[in-house]
């Protein structure tokens, strides 16, 4: 589905609850530079108990570009809130889960709309920005490689592959190998198509996420908040720190990033999230 916003349209994937549910809907926000398509499997598991909507960030997937090439995370949060407001009473109150860039957007949505966002879950947060990430932020603009030879597609493919192979993905050395197997070639292709869509604009939200000040912003969240991170995610060592910034927070470790996890691991993670959302300890 497409939702009209001032910038054009935001694309979203709506998954109805499998059975009638009294739980509020949950909004899923993806990492950069992909799209909500990589949240499909997670949405299917969550939809066993509640309605789910996964939204493409402006400039990524099938959503319109952001209003400029230099926007902060709170702008993307505002755009997402504006889109959800178009959906009426069903989204008068909701929970939100975001991973990586999506986690930063989720945090800003919670800060901006405490009467609308009930609970917030932030996956893959880390202690940023830092020296290495500052330089990384300057390298992620793949639009500068657009040419008649398709150089941008090779750059985007290699970057996406490196997300699996290295932790963090911009450290190409033996000591930073993740040890995780690559997905199948078909799965890599499907994900890469989403990366290719975002080549002209995905770096805008991505760069804002890299520069996001978790130490300043997370203490402003007043709702129940859960910080999560995968064991094979580059931010895992910061999980305790991120949790310590939350006023009413908890932490939950899980096995692998939501985009890459096998089905059993993803189902177990969603089970933990559901228990927390329903008021139980993770």
Protein backbone atom coordinates (compact mmCIF):
# COMPACT_ATOMS: atom_id res chain seq x y z
CA UNK A 1 0.00 0.00 0.00
CA UNK A 2 1.02 3.64 -0.50
CA UNK A 3 0.34 6.49 1.92
CA UNK A 4 0.31 10.11 0.80
CA UNK A 5 2.72 12.46 2.58
CA UNK A 6 4.07 15.92 1.77
CA UNK A 7 7.15 14.38 0.11
CA UNK A 8 5.03 12.18 -2.17
CA UNK A 9 4.20 8.68 -0.93
CA UNK A 10 5.52 6.22 1.62
CA UNK A 11 5.27 2.54 0.80
CA UNK A 12 4.11 0.12 3.49
CA UNK A 13 3.38 -3.58 3.87
CA UNK A 14 0.32 -4.27 6.04
CA UNK A 15 -0.13 -7.74 7.56
CA UNK A 16 -3.47 -8.27 9.35
CA UNK A 17 -3.53 -10.21 12.62
CA UNK A 18 -4.12 -13.92 12.08
CA UNK A 19 -7.00 -13.83 14.58
CA UNK A 20 -8.96 -10.96 16.14
CA UNK A 21 -6.63 -9.21 18.58
CA UNK A 22 -6.93 -6.65 21.36
CA UNK A 23 -3.23 -5.84 21.13
CA UNK A 24 -2.24 -2.54 19.48
CA UNK A 25 -0.64 -2.79 16.05
CA UNK A 26 3.12 -2.80 15.75
CA UNK A 27 5.14 -0.73 13.27
CA UNK A 28 8.34 -2.24 11.83
CA UNK A 29 11.17 -0.01 10.62
CA UNK A 30 14.02 -1.50 8.62
CA UNK A 31 17.78 -0.95 8.50
CA UNK A 32 19.53 1.06 5.76
CA UNK A 33 20.02 0.78 2.84
CA UNK A 34 17.29 -1.82 2.21
CA UNK A 35 13.49 -1.75 2.62
CA UNK A 36 10.60 -3.20 4.58
CA UNK A 37 10.73 -6.27 2.34
CA UNK A 38 13.45 -7.67 4.60
CA UNK A 39 11.00 -7.45 7.53
CA UNK A 40 8.46 -9.78 5.87
CA UNK A 41 9.36 -12.90 7.86
CA UNK A 42 9.33 -11.02 11.14
CA UNK A 43 5.96 -9.49 10.24
CA UNK A 44 4.50 -12.95 9.60
CA UNK A 45 5.51 -14.13 13.08
CA UNK A 46 4.27 -10.98 14.83
CA UNK A 47 0.96 -11.14 12.94
CA UNK A 48 0.04 -14.25 14.88
CA UNK A 49 -1.03 -11.90 17.71
CA UNK A 50 -1.41 -8.38 16.22
CA UNK A 51 -1.65 -6.29 13.09
CA UNK A 52 1.73 -5.35 11.62
CA UNK A 53 2.75 -2.56 9.28
CA UNK A 54 6.29 -2.33 7.87
CA UNK A 55 7.18 0.98 6.24
CA UNK A 56 9.85 1.92 3.71
CA UNK A 57 11.91 4.85 4.99
CA UNK A 58 11.85 7.90 2.71
CA UNK A 59 14.47 7.43 0.01
CA UNK A 60 14.50 3.64 0.36
CA UNK A 61 12.43 0.81 -1.06
CA UNK A 62 9.45 2.24 -2.90
CA UNK A 63 8.99 5.38 -0.80
CA UNK A 64 9.54 8.87 -2.22
CA UNK A 65 12.85 10.68 -1.62
CA UNK A 66 13.35 12.84 1.48
CA UNK A 67 12.87 16.59 1.09
CA UNK A 68 16.62 17.27 1.00
CA UNK A 69 19.96 15.46 0.96
CA UNK A 70 20.81 16.38 4.54
CA UNK A 71 18.09 15.49 7.04
CA UNK A 72 18.34 14.36 10.69
CA UNK A 73 16.69 11.27 12.15
CA UNK A 74 13.84 13.24 13.73
CA UNK A 75 12.74 14.29 10.23
CA UNK A 76 12.35 10.63 9.20
CA UNK A 77 10.46 9.95 12.44
CA UNK A 78 8.12 12.84 11.73
CA UNK A 79 7.48 11.59 8.19
CA UNK A 80 6.62 8.13 9.51
CA UNK A 81 4.26 9.56 12.12
CA UNK A 82 2.60 11.68 9.44
CA UNK A 83 2.09 8.61 7.27
CA UNK A 84 0.60 6.58 10.11
CA UNK A 85 -1.74 9.43 11.02
CA UNK A 86 -3.31 9.00 7.57
CA UNK A 87 -4.44 5.49 8.53
CA UNK A 88 -7.00 6.64 11.07
CA UNK A 89 -8.12 5.28 14.40
CA UNK A 90 -6.44 1.88 13.93
CA UNK A 91 -3.09 3.61 14.49
CA UNK A 92 -4.15 6.04 17.20
CA UNK A 93 -1.84 4.01 19.46
CA UNK A 94 0.82 1.51 18.43
CA UNK A 95 4.07 -0.16 19.40
CA UNK A 96 7.15 0.33 17.23
CA UNK A 97 10.15 -1.89 16.48
CA UNK A 98 13.13 -0.57 14.55
CA UNK A 99 16.43 -2.16 13.64
CA UNK A 100 19.62 -0.12 13.07
CA UNK A 101 18.49 3.04 11.19
CA UNK A 102 14.93 2.00 11.99
CA UNK A 103 15.83 1.85 15.68
CA UNK A 104 16.91 5.47 15.65
CA UNK A 105 13.73 6.47 13.85
CA UNK A 106 11.69 4.47 16.37
CA UNK A 107 13.41 6.29 19.25
CA UNK A 108 12.59 9.69 17.77
CA UNK A 109 8.98 8.64 17.15
CA UNK A 110 8.69 7.71 20.82
CA UNK A 111 10.18 11.05 21.91
CA UNK A 112 7.95 13.06 19.57
CA UNK A 113 4.67 11.21 20.17
CA UNK A 114 4.47 9.78 23.71
CA UNK A 115 0.68 9.68 23.50
CA UNK A 116 0.74 7.62 20.32
CA UNK A 117 3.77 5.34 20.67
CA UNK A 118 2.98 2.92 23.51
CA UNK A 119 6.21 0.87 23.65
CA UNK A 120 9.41 1.13 21.66
CA UNK A 121 11.92 -1.59 20.75
CA UNK A 122 15.31 -0.57 19.34
CA UNK A 123 17.49 -3.26 17.80
CA UNK A 124 21.18 -2.91 17.01
CA UNK A 125 21.79 0.42 18.73
CA UNK A 126 25.40 1.20 19.45
CA UNK A 127 27.67 3.77 21.05
CA UNK A 128 27.97 6.27 18.21
CA UNK A 129 29.12 8.45 16.61
CA UNK A 130 32.83 7.76 16.71
CA UNK A 131 36.00 8.33 14.76
CA UNK A 132 35.62 5.34 12.43
CA UNK A 133 31.92 5.87 11.88
CA UNK A 134 32.45 9.51 10.94
CA UNK A 135 34.60 8.42 8.02
CA UNK A 136 32.16 5.63 7.19
CA UNK A 137 29.31 8.17 7.02
CA UNK A 138 31.16 9.98 4.28
CA UNK A 139 31.62 6.81 2.20
CA UNK A 140 28.08 5.46 2.05
CA UNK A 141 26.75 7.79 -0.64
CA UNK A 142 26.61 5.38 -3.57
CA UNK A 143 24.82 7.91 -5.79
CA UNK A 144 28.19 9.44 -6.64
CA UNK A 145 29.09 6.20 -8.46
CA UNK A 146 26.15 6.33 -10.88
CA UNK A 147 27.55 6.12 -14.41
CA UNK A 148 26.96 4.47 -17.78
CA UNK A 149 28.96 1.41 -16.70
CA UNK A 150 26.64 0.67 -13.79
CA UNK A 151 29.46 1.09 -11.28
CA UNK A 152 26.88 1.95 -8.64
CA UNK A 153 25.41 -1.56 -8.82
CA UNK A 154 28.77 -3.25 -8.23
CA UNK A 155 29.45 -0.94 -5.30
CA UNK A 156 26.01 -1.61 -3.82
CA UNK A 157 26.30 -5.38 -4.27
CA UNK A 158 29.71 -5.50 -2.59
CA UNK A 159 28.53 -3.34 0.28
CA UNK A 160 25.52 -5.56 0.91
CA UNK A 161 27.68 -8.70 0.76
CA UNK A 162 30.10 -7.13 3.26
CA UNK A 163 27.20 -6.63 5.70
CA UNK A 164 27.18 -10.42 6.06
CA UNK A 165 30.93 -11.05 5.95
CA UNK A 166 32.44 -8.43 8.26
CA UNK A 167 31.64 -6.87 11.62
CA UNK A 168 31.59 -3.92 11.19
CA UNK A 169 31.05 -4.14 7.41
CA UNK A 170 33.68 -1.52 6.56
CA UNK A 171 36.54 -3.43 8.27
CA UNK A 172 37.84 -5.80 5.58
CA UNK A 173 40.28 -7.97 7.52
CA UNK A 174 40.50 -11.52 8.87
CA UNK A 175 40.01 -10.36 12.45
CA UNK A 176 36.70 -8.75 11.50
CA UNK A 177 35.23 -11.72 9.64
CA UNK A 178 31.77 -12.47 11.05
CA UNK A 179 31.97 -16.23 10.59
CA UNK A 180 28.36 -16.17 9.36
CA UNK A 181 27.52 -18.00 6.12
CA UNK A 182 26.23 -16.04 3.17
CA UNK A 183 22.55 -16.47 2.30
CA UNK A 184 21.71 -18.27 -0.91
CA UNK A 185 22.48 -16.45 -4.15
CA UNK A 186 18.73 -16.03 -4.70
CA UNK A 187 18.26 -14.44 -1.27
CA UNK A 188 21.23 -12.16 -1.90
CA UNK A 189 19.68 -11.13 -5.22
CA UNK A 190 16.31 -10.29 -3.66
CA UNK A 191 17.93 -8.15 -0.97
CA UNK A 192 20.28 -6.48 -3.45
CA UNK A 193 17.33 -5.34 -5.57
CA UNK A 194 16.11 -3.38 -2.54
CA UNK A 195 19.59 -1.94 -2.03
CA UNK A 196 19.73 -0.89 -5.69
CA UNK A 197 16.44 1.01 -5.35
CA UNK A 198 17.96 3.14 -2.63
CA UNK A 199 21.21 4.08 -4.38
CA UNK A 200 20.18 7.70 -5.13
CA UNK A 201 18.86 8.57 -1.64
CA UNK A 202 19.32 5.82 0.97
CA UNK A 203 22.49 7.43 2.29
CA UNK A 204 20.51 10.37 3.68
CA UNK A 205 18.81 8.38 6.46
CA UNK A 206 21.79 6.04 6.76
CA UNK A 207 24.19 8.90 7.39
CA UNK A 208 21.82 10.47 9.91
CA UNK A 209 21.69 7.15 11.76
CA UNK A 210 25.47 6.89 11.92
CA UNK A 211 25.67 10.37 13.42
CA UNK A 212 22.78 9.87 15.86
CA UNK A 213 23.63 10.75 19.47
CA UNK A 214 22.19 7.88 21.49
CA UNK A 215 23.66 9.28 24.71
CA UNK A 216 21.67 12.51 24.30
CA UNK A 217 18.44 11.19 22.80
CA UNK A 218 17.61 7.86 24.45
CA UNK A 219 17.22 9.33 27.99
CA UNK A 220 14.34 11.43 26.59
CA UNK A 221 12.19 8.35 25.95
CA UNK A 222 9.47 8.12 28.62
CA UNK A 223 7.65 4.98 27.41
CA UNK A 224 8.62 1.40 28.24
CA UNK A 225 11.63 0.70 26.02
CA UNK A 226 13.51 -2.45 25.09
CA UNK A 227 17.03 -2.45 23.65
CA UNK A 228 17.88 -5.60 21.70
CA UNK A 229 20.91 -6.73 19.73
CA UNK A 230 22.07 -9.86 17.95
CA UNK A 231 25.13 -11.73 19.16
CA UNK A 232 26.66 -11.40 15.68
CA UNK A 233 25.83 -7.73 15.35
CA UNK A 234 28.57 -5.10 15.56
CA UNK A 235 26.70 -3.23 18.28
CA UNK A 236 26.35 -6.17 20.66
CA UNK A 237 29.12 -5.01 22.97
CA UNK A 238 27.16 -1.78 23.54
CA UNK A 239 23.88 -3.46 24.56
CA UNK A 240 24.33 -2.89 28.29
CA UNK A 241 25.34 0.72 27.70
CA UNK A 242 22.31 1.41 25.50
CA UNK A 243 20.04 -0.16 28.09
CA UNK A 244 21.52 2.06 30.79
CA UNK A 245 20.39 5.16 28.89
CA UNK A 246 16.72 4.21 29.07
CA UNK A 247 14.52 5.48 31.91
CA UNK A 248 12.10 2.56 31.80
CA UNK A 249 14.16 0.07 29.86
CA UNK A 250 15.23 -3.52 29.53
CA UNK A 251 17.64 -5.40 27.26
CA UNK A 252 17.34 -8.61 25.27
CA UNK A 253 20.07 -10.45 23.35
CA UNK A 254 19.21 -12.65 20.37
CA UNK A 255 21.07 -14.87 17.95
CA UNK A 256 21.32 -13.16 14.57
CA UNK A 257 20.11 -9.99 12.87
CA UNK A 258 16.44 -10.08 11.98
CA UNK A 259 17.19 -9.87 8.25
CA UNK A 260 19.49 -12.91 8.31
CA UNK A 261 18.24 -15.14 11.15
CA UNK A 262 16.97 -18.62 10.40
CA UNK A 263 13.28 -19.13 10.99
CA UNK A 264 13.66 -20.86 14.34
CA UNK A 265 15.90 -18.09 15.66
CA UNK A 266 13.59 -15.38 14.39
CA UNK A 267 10.55 -17.07 15.90
CA UNK A 268 12.30 -17.30 19.28
CA UNK A 269 13.21 -13.61 19.11
CA UNK A 270 9.65 -12.59 18.23
CA UNK A 271 8.39 -14.75 21.11
CA UNK A 272 10.63 -12.77 23.50
CA UNK A 273 9.42 -9.46 22.07
CA UNK A 274 5.79 -10.48 22.34
CA UNK A 275 6.19 -11.46 25.99
CA UNK A 276 7.81 -8.12 26.77
CA UNK A 277 5.11 -6.17 24.92
CA UNK A 278 2.48 -8.00 26.94
CA UNK A 279 4.11 -6.97 30.18
CA UNK A 280 6.37 -9.92 30.93
CA UNK A 281 10.11 -9.73 31.47
CA UNK A 282 12.19 -10.55 28.36
